[in-house]
Amino acid sequence: MASLPIFISAVANSTDEPHFPLLFTWSTHDGQIKEVLVTPDDDWLHEHSIEPNLQNLDEQQLYEFGYEAQDILNEWAAELDTDTMYAVDAESVEALVETLYDTKGLDPAFEIVSIEQWFNERDINLHRAREEQGDNTPLHLLSPDEQIMSLLQLAAGHDLLDLSDLETE
């Protein structure tokens, strides 16, 4: 079986003017969902603040439970063998991924493409398919882990993924 596509989501410091990431959530090639808080780079906080967000993330939580950019980049390099990741808001997620890589003077190792493009390439209208399954909440209003889970379930429900080999007892 081919590995699963990687879906990614992120939470930014601001919904109006995102400048840096607070949280990344992604699926893995084996169907897991991983989530990591991001310890802010000092330069980020000199220029921008962390605004209230749906996940109630604040600066103290990020410093207490977050991971440094290099740790996240190392994990991605070790675990994600892909040139492409798919996101609901590809433009914003791509900018946040670039910000993380920029802290180390690197270019992203993958590109971020719209999840709608992935489904369209497989002749599935994402919004219609979600409505048919009774999912009426817009994807961008779901928490990052709910977004990823919804996308994996929708893809599996349309036989675009075979998750049966991934289930554990």
C-alpha atoms as a PDB file:
ATOM      1  CA  MET A   1       0.000   0.000   0.000  1.00  0.00           C
ATOM      2  CA  ALA A   2       1.277   3.471  -0.825  1.00  0.00           C
ATOM      3  CA  SER A   3       1.854   5.779   2.090  1.00  0.00           C
ATOM      4  CA  LEU A   4      -0.891   8.194   2.994  1.00  0.00           C
ATOM      5  CA  PRO A   5      -0.754  11.842   1.984  1.00  0.00           C
ATOM      6  CA  ILE A   6       0.260  14.271   4.708  1.00  0.00           C
ATOM      7  CA  PHE A   7      -2.414  16.738   5.830  1.00  0.00           C
ATOM      8  CA  ILE A   8      -1.260  19.725   7.907  1.00  0.00           C
ATOM      9  CA  SER A   9      -2.926  22.481   9.884  1.00  0.00           C
ATOM     10  CA  ALA A  10      -1.595  25.325  11.995  1.00  0.00           C
ATOM     11  CA  VAL A  11      -2.626  27.944  14.514  1.00  0.00           C
ATOM     12  CA  ALA A  12      -1.046  31.378  14.145  1.00  0.00           C
ATOM     13  CA  ASN A  13      -0.422  34.162  16.631  1.00  0.00           C
ATOM     14  CA  SER A  14      -3.262  36.148  15.019  1.00  0.00           C
ATOM     15  CA  THR A  15      -6.210  35.291  12.813  1.00  0.00           C
ATOM     16  CA  ASP A  16      -6.174  38.726  11.160  1.00  0.00           C
ATOM     17  CA  GLU A  17      -2.428  39.094  10.618  1.00  0.00           C
ATOM     18  CA  PRO A  18      -0.633  35.774  11.144  1.00  0.00           C
ATOM     19  CA  HIS A  19       3.104  36.226  11.595  1.00  0.00           C
ATOM     20  CA  PHE A  20       4.289  33.122  13.403  1.00  0.00           C
ATOM     21  CA  PRO A  21       3.026  29.650  14.371  1.00  0.00           C
ATOM     22  CA  LEU A  22       1.759  28.614  17.790  1.00  0.00           C
ATOM     23  CA  LEU A  23       0.805  25.059  16.884  1.00  0.00           C
ATOM     24  CA  PHE A  24       1.249  22.587  14.039  1.00  0.00           C
ATOM     25  CA  THR A  25      -0.899  19.495  13.554  1.00  0.00           C
ATOM     26  CA  TRP A  26      -0.221  16.946  10.828  1.00  0.00           C
ATOM     27  CA  SER A  27      -1.020  13.423   9.784  1.00  0.00           C
ATOM     28  CA  THR A  28       1.710  10.879   9.226  1.00  0.00           C
ATOM     29  CA  HIS A  29       2.216   8.329   6.460  1.00  0.00           C
ATOM     30  CA  ASP A  30       0.845   5.678   8.795  1.00  0.00           C
ATOM     31  CA  GLY A  31      -2.371   7.538   9.657  1.00  0.00           C
ATOM     32  CA  GLN A  32      -1.420   9.026  13.017  1.00  0.00           C
ATOM     33  CA  ILE A  33      -2.138  12.616  13.956  1.00  0.00           C
ATOM     34  CA  LYS A  34       0.659  14.564  15.623  1.00  0.00           C
ATOM     35  CA  GLU A  35       0.463  17.958  17.231  1.00  0.00           C
ATOM     36  CA  VAL A  36       3.178  20.219  18.592  1.00  0.00           C
ATOM     37  CA  LEU A  37       3.202  23.587  20.314  1.00  0.00           C
ATOM     38  CA  VAL A  38       5.864  25.954  19.026  1.00  0.00           C
ATOM     39  CA  THR A  39       8.134  27.843  21.412  1.00  0.00           C
ATOM     40  CA  PRO A  40       8.215  31.379  19.989  1.00  0.00           C
ATOM     41  CA  ASP A  41      11.466  32.698  18.600  1.00  0.00           C
ATOM     42  CA  ASP A  42      12.515  35.808  20.531  1.00  0.00           C
ATOM     43  CA  ASP A  43      12.394  37.927  17.367  1.00  0.00           C
ATOM     44  CA  TRP A  44       8.759  36.972  16.748  1.00  0.00           C
ATOM     45  CA  LEU A  45       7.590  38.390  20.071  1.00  0.00           C
ATOM     46  CA  HIS A  46       9.569  41.619  19.680  1.00  0.00           C
ATOM     47  CA  GLU A  47       7.477  42.507  16.642  1.00  0.00           C
ATOM     48  CA  HIS A  48       4.114  40.776  17.204  1.00  0.00           C
ATOM     49  CA  SER A  49       1.912  39.540  20.024  1.00  0.00           C
ATOM     50  CA  ILE A  50      -0.132  36.430  20.637  1.00  0.00           C
ATOM     51  CA  GLU A  51      -3.809  37.268  20.298  1.00  0.00           C
ATOM     52  CA  PRO A  52      -6.652  35.299  21.882  1.00  0.00           C
ATOM     53  CA  ASN A  53      -7.368  32.179  19.812  1.00  0.00           C
ATOM     54  CA  LEU A  54      -9.859  29.309  19.710  1.00  0.00           C
ATOM     55  CA  GLN A  55      -7.327  26.918  21.253  1.00  0.00           C
ATOM     56  CA  ASN A  56      -6.700  29.323  24.185  1.00  0.00           C
ATOM     57  CA  LEU A  57      -2.950  29.124  23.633  1.00  0.00           C
ATOM     58  CA  ASP A  58      -0.865  31.721  25.407  1.00  0.00           C
ATOM     59  CA  GLU A  59       2.801  32.594  25.713  1.00  0.00           C
ATOM     60  CA  GLN A  60       3.247  30.735  29.022  1.00  0.00           C
ATOM     61  CA  GLN A  61       1.885  27.470  27.563  1.00  0.00           C
ATOM     62  CA  LEU A  62       4.142  27.776  24.529  1.00  0.00           C
ATOM     63  CA  TYR A  63       7.259  28.226  26.672  1.00  0.00           C
ATOM     64  CA  GLU A  64       6.228  25.503  29.104  1.00  0.00           C
ATOM     65  CA  PHE A  65       5.086  22.832  26.627  1.00  0.00           C
ATOM     66  CA  GLY A  66       6.362  24.009  23.250  1.00  0.00           C
ATOM     67  CA  TYR A  67       9.250  22.791  21.149  1.00  0.00           C
ATOM     68  CA  GLU A  68      11.983  24.857  19.561  1.00  0.00           C
ATOM     69  CA  ALA A  69      11.945  25.287  15.788  1.00  0.00           C
ATOM     70  CA  GLN A  70      14.999  23.045  15.318  1.00  0.00           C
ATOM     71  CA  ASP A  71      13.350  20.177  17.202  1.00  0.00           C
ATOM     72  CA  ILE A  72      10.244  20.397  15.017  1.00  0.00           C
ATOM     73  CA  LEU A  73      12.294  20.613  11.821  1.00  0.00           C
ATOM     74  CA  ASN A  74      14.348  17.587  12.910  1.00  0.00           C
ATOM     75  CA  GLU A  75      11.178  15.585  13.543  1.00  0.00           C
ATOM     76  CA  TRP A  76       9.744  16.545  10.151  1.00  0.00           C
ATOM     77  CA  ALA A  77      13.026  15.644   8.410  1.00  0.00           C
ATOM     78  CA  ALA A  78      13.126  12.255  10.139  1.00  0.00           C
ATOM     79  CA  GLU A  79       9.463  11.314   9.748  1.00  0.00           C
ATOM     80  CA  LEU A  80       8.032  13.074   6.715  1.00  0.00           C
ATOM     81  CA  ASP A  81       9.419  11.792   3.458  1.00  0.00           C
ATOM     82  CA  THR A  82       7.328  13.973   1.151  1.00  0.00           C
ATOM     83  CA  ASP A  83       7.589  16.895  -1.239  1.00  0.00           C
ATOM     84  CA  THR A  84       3.990  17.977  -0.692  1.00  0.00           C
ATOM     85  CA  MET A  85       1.688  18.493   2.270  1.00  0.00           C
ATOM     86  CA  TYR A  86      -1.984  19.454   2.024  1.00  0.00           C
ATOM     87  CA  ALA A  87      -3.786  22.123   4.059  1.00  0.00           C
ATOM     88  CA  VAL A  88      -7.221  23.683   4.335  1.00  0.00           C
ATOM     89  CA  ASP A  89      -5.703  27.185   4.224  1.00  0.00           C
ATOM     90  CA  ALA A  90      -2.597  26.391   2.205  1.00  0.00           C
ATOM     91  CA  GLU A  91      -1.411  29.987   1.877  1.00  0.00           C
ATOM     92  CA  SER A  92      -1.454  30.688   5.626  1.00  0.00           C
ATOM     93  CA  VAL A  93       0.012  27.321   6.598  1.00  0.00           C
ATOM     94  CA  GLU A  94       2.772  27.730   4.014  1.00  0.00           C
ATOM     95  CA  ALA A  95       3.668  31.146   5.445  1.00  0.00           C
ATOM     96  CA  LEU A  96       3.813  29.689   8.976  1.00  0.00           C
ATOM     97  CA  VAL A  97       5.970  26.762   7.834  1.00  0.00           C
ATOM     98  CA  GLU A  98       8.295  29.227   6.080  1.00  0.00           C
ATOM     99  CA  THR A  99       8.525  31.290   9.271  1.00  0.00           C
ATOM    100  CA  LEU A 100       9.607  28.198  11.200  1.00  0.00           C
ATOM    101  CA  TYR A 101      12.279  27.320   8.621  1.00  0.00           C
ATOM    102  CA  ASP A 102      13.414  30.967   8.443  1.00  0.00           C
ATOM    103  CA  THR A 103      14.470  30.860  12.102  1.00  0.00           C
ATOM    104  CA  LYS A 104      17.229  28.472  11.014  1.00  0.00           C
ATOM    105  CA  GLY A 105      18.000  30.169   7.700  1.00  0.00           C
ATOM    106  CA  LEU A 106      16.502  27.288   5.713  1.00  0.00           C
ATOM    107  CA  ASP A 107      13.972  26.890   2.928  1.00  0.00           C
ATOM    108  CA  PRO A 108      11.034  24.534   3.512  1.00  0.00           C
ATOM    109  CA  ALA A 109      11.671  20.933   2.499  1.00  0.00           C
ATOM    110  CA  PHE A 110       8.145  20.576   1.081  1.00  0.00           C
ATOM    111  CA  GLU A 111       5.426  22.659  -0.492  1.00  0.00           C
ATOM    112  CA  ILE A 112       1.948  23.227   0.908  1.00  0.00           C
ATOM    113  CA  VAL A 113      -0.936  22.642  -1.510  1.00  0.00           C
ATOM    114  CA  SER A 114      -4.651  23.213  -1.022  1.00  0.00           C
ATOM    115  CA  ILE A 115      -6.554  20.199   0.253  1.00  0.00           C
ATOM    116  CA  GLU A 116      -9.272  21.062  -2.249  1.00  0.00           C
ATOM    117  CA  GLN A 117      -6.751  20.459  -5.047  1.00  0.00           C
ATOM    118  CA  TRP A 118      -5.960  16.989  -3.657  1.00  0.00           C
ATOM    119  CA  PHE A 119      -9.637  16.035  -3.580  1.00  0.00           C
ATOM    120  CA  ASN A 120     -10.340  17.664  -6.988  1.00  0.00           C
ATOM    121  CA  GLU A 121      -7.546  15.592  -8.559  1.00  0.00           C
ATOM    122  CA  ARG A 122      -9.483  12.554  -7.360  1.00  0.00           C
ATOM    123  CA  ASP A 123     -12.807  13.854  -8.737  1.00  0.00           C
ATOM    124  CA  ILE A 124     -14.241  14.631  -5.286  1.00  0.00           C
ATOM    125  CA  ASN A 125     -15.820  17.983  -4.446  1.00  0.00           C
ATOM    126  CA  LEU A 126     -14.611  18.432  -0.869  1.00  0.00           C
ATOM    127  CA  HIS A 127     -17.460  20.656   0.317  1.00  0.00           C
ATOM    128  CA  ARG A 128     -20.185  18.560  -1.253  1.00  0.00           C
ATOM    129  CA  ALA A 129     -18.647  15.340   0.086  1.00  0.00           C
ATOM    130  CA  ARG A 130     -18.513  16.785   3.611  1.00  0.00           C
ATOM    131  CA  GLU A 131     -22.159  17.878   3.385  1.00  0.00           C
ATOM    132  CA  GLU A 132     -23.172  14.419   2.173  1.00  0.00           C
ATOM    133  CA  GLN A 133     -21.531  12.942   5.267  1.00  0.00           C
ATOM    134  CA  GLY A 134     -23.399  15.414   7.484  1.00  0.00           C
ATOM    135  CA  ASP A 135     -20.358  17.582   8.217  1.00  0.00           C
ATOM    136  CA  ASN A 136     -21.811  21.080   8.107  1.00  0.00           C
ATOM    137  CA  THR A 137     -19.141  22.865  10.130  1.00  0.00           C
ATOM    138  CA  PRO A 138     -16.689  24.607   7.797  1.00  0.00           C
ATOM    139  CA  LEU A 139     -13.243  22.991   7.994  1.00  0.00           C
ATOM    140  CA  HIS A 140     -11.549  26.236   8.998  1.00  0.00           C
ATOM    141  CA  LEU A 141     -13.741  26.390  12.132  1.00  0.00           C
ATOM    142  CA  LEU A 142     -12.665  22.941  13.341  1.00  0.00           C
ATOM    143  CA  SER A 143      -9.719  22.533  15.693  1.00  0.00           C
ATOM    144  CA  PRO A 144      -6.541  21.478  13.869  1.00  0.00           C
ATOM    145  CA  ASP A 145      -6.772  17.832  14.997  1.00  0.00           C
ATOM    146  CA  GLU A 146     -10.469  17.708  14.032  1.00  0.00           C
ATOM    147  CA  GLN A 147      -9.580  19.113  10.593  1.00  0.00           C
ATOM    148  CA  ILE A 148      -6.995  16.413   9.994  1.00  0.00           C
ATOM    149  CA  MET A 149      -9.241  13.624  11.300  1.00  0.00           C
ATOM    150  CA  SER A 150     -12.137  14.837   9.159  1.00  0.00           C
ATOM    151  CA  LEU A 151      -9.956  14.886   6.041  1.00  0.00           C
ATOM    152  CA  LEU A 152      -8.577  11.407   6.697  1.00  0.00           C
ATOM    153  CA  GLN A 153     -12.067  10.011   7.340  1.00  0.00           C
ATOM    154  CA  LEU A 154     -13.496  11.699   4.259  1.00  0.00           C
ATOM    155  CA  ALA A 155     -10.704  10.387   2.051  1.00  0.00           C
ATOM    156  CA  ALA A 156     -11.091   6.894   3.482  1.00  0.00           C
ATOM    157  CA  GLY A 157     -14.881   7.101   3.065  1.00  0.00           C
ATOM    158  CA  HIS A 158     -14.392   7.780  -0.638  1.00  0.00           C
ATOM    159  CA  ASP A 159     -11.936   4.881  -0.976  1.00  0.00           C
ATOM    160  CA  LEU A 160      -9.053   7.291  -1.565  1.00  0.00           C
ATOM    161  CA  LEU A 161      -7.169   5.781   1.364  1.00  0.00           C
ATOM    162  CA  ASP A 162      -7.096   2.316   2.794  1.00  0.00           C
ATOM    163  CA  LEU A 163      -6.868   2.737   6.556  1.00  0.00           C
ATOM    164  CA  SER A 164      -7.676  -0.891   7.373  1.00  0.00           C
ATOM    165  CA  ASP A 165      -4.006  -1.866   7.425  1.00  0.00           C
ATOM    166  CA  LEU A 166      -3.312   0.952   9.873  1.00  0.00           C
ATOM    167  CA  GLU A 167      -5.858   0.096  12.542  1.00  0.00           C
ATOM    168  CA  THR A 168      -4.509  -1.368  15.732  1.00  0.00           C
ATOM    169  CA  GLU A 169      -6.267  -3.808  17.977  1.00  0.00           C
END
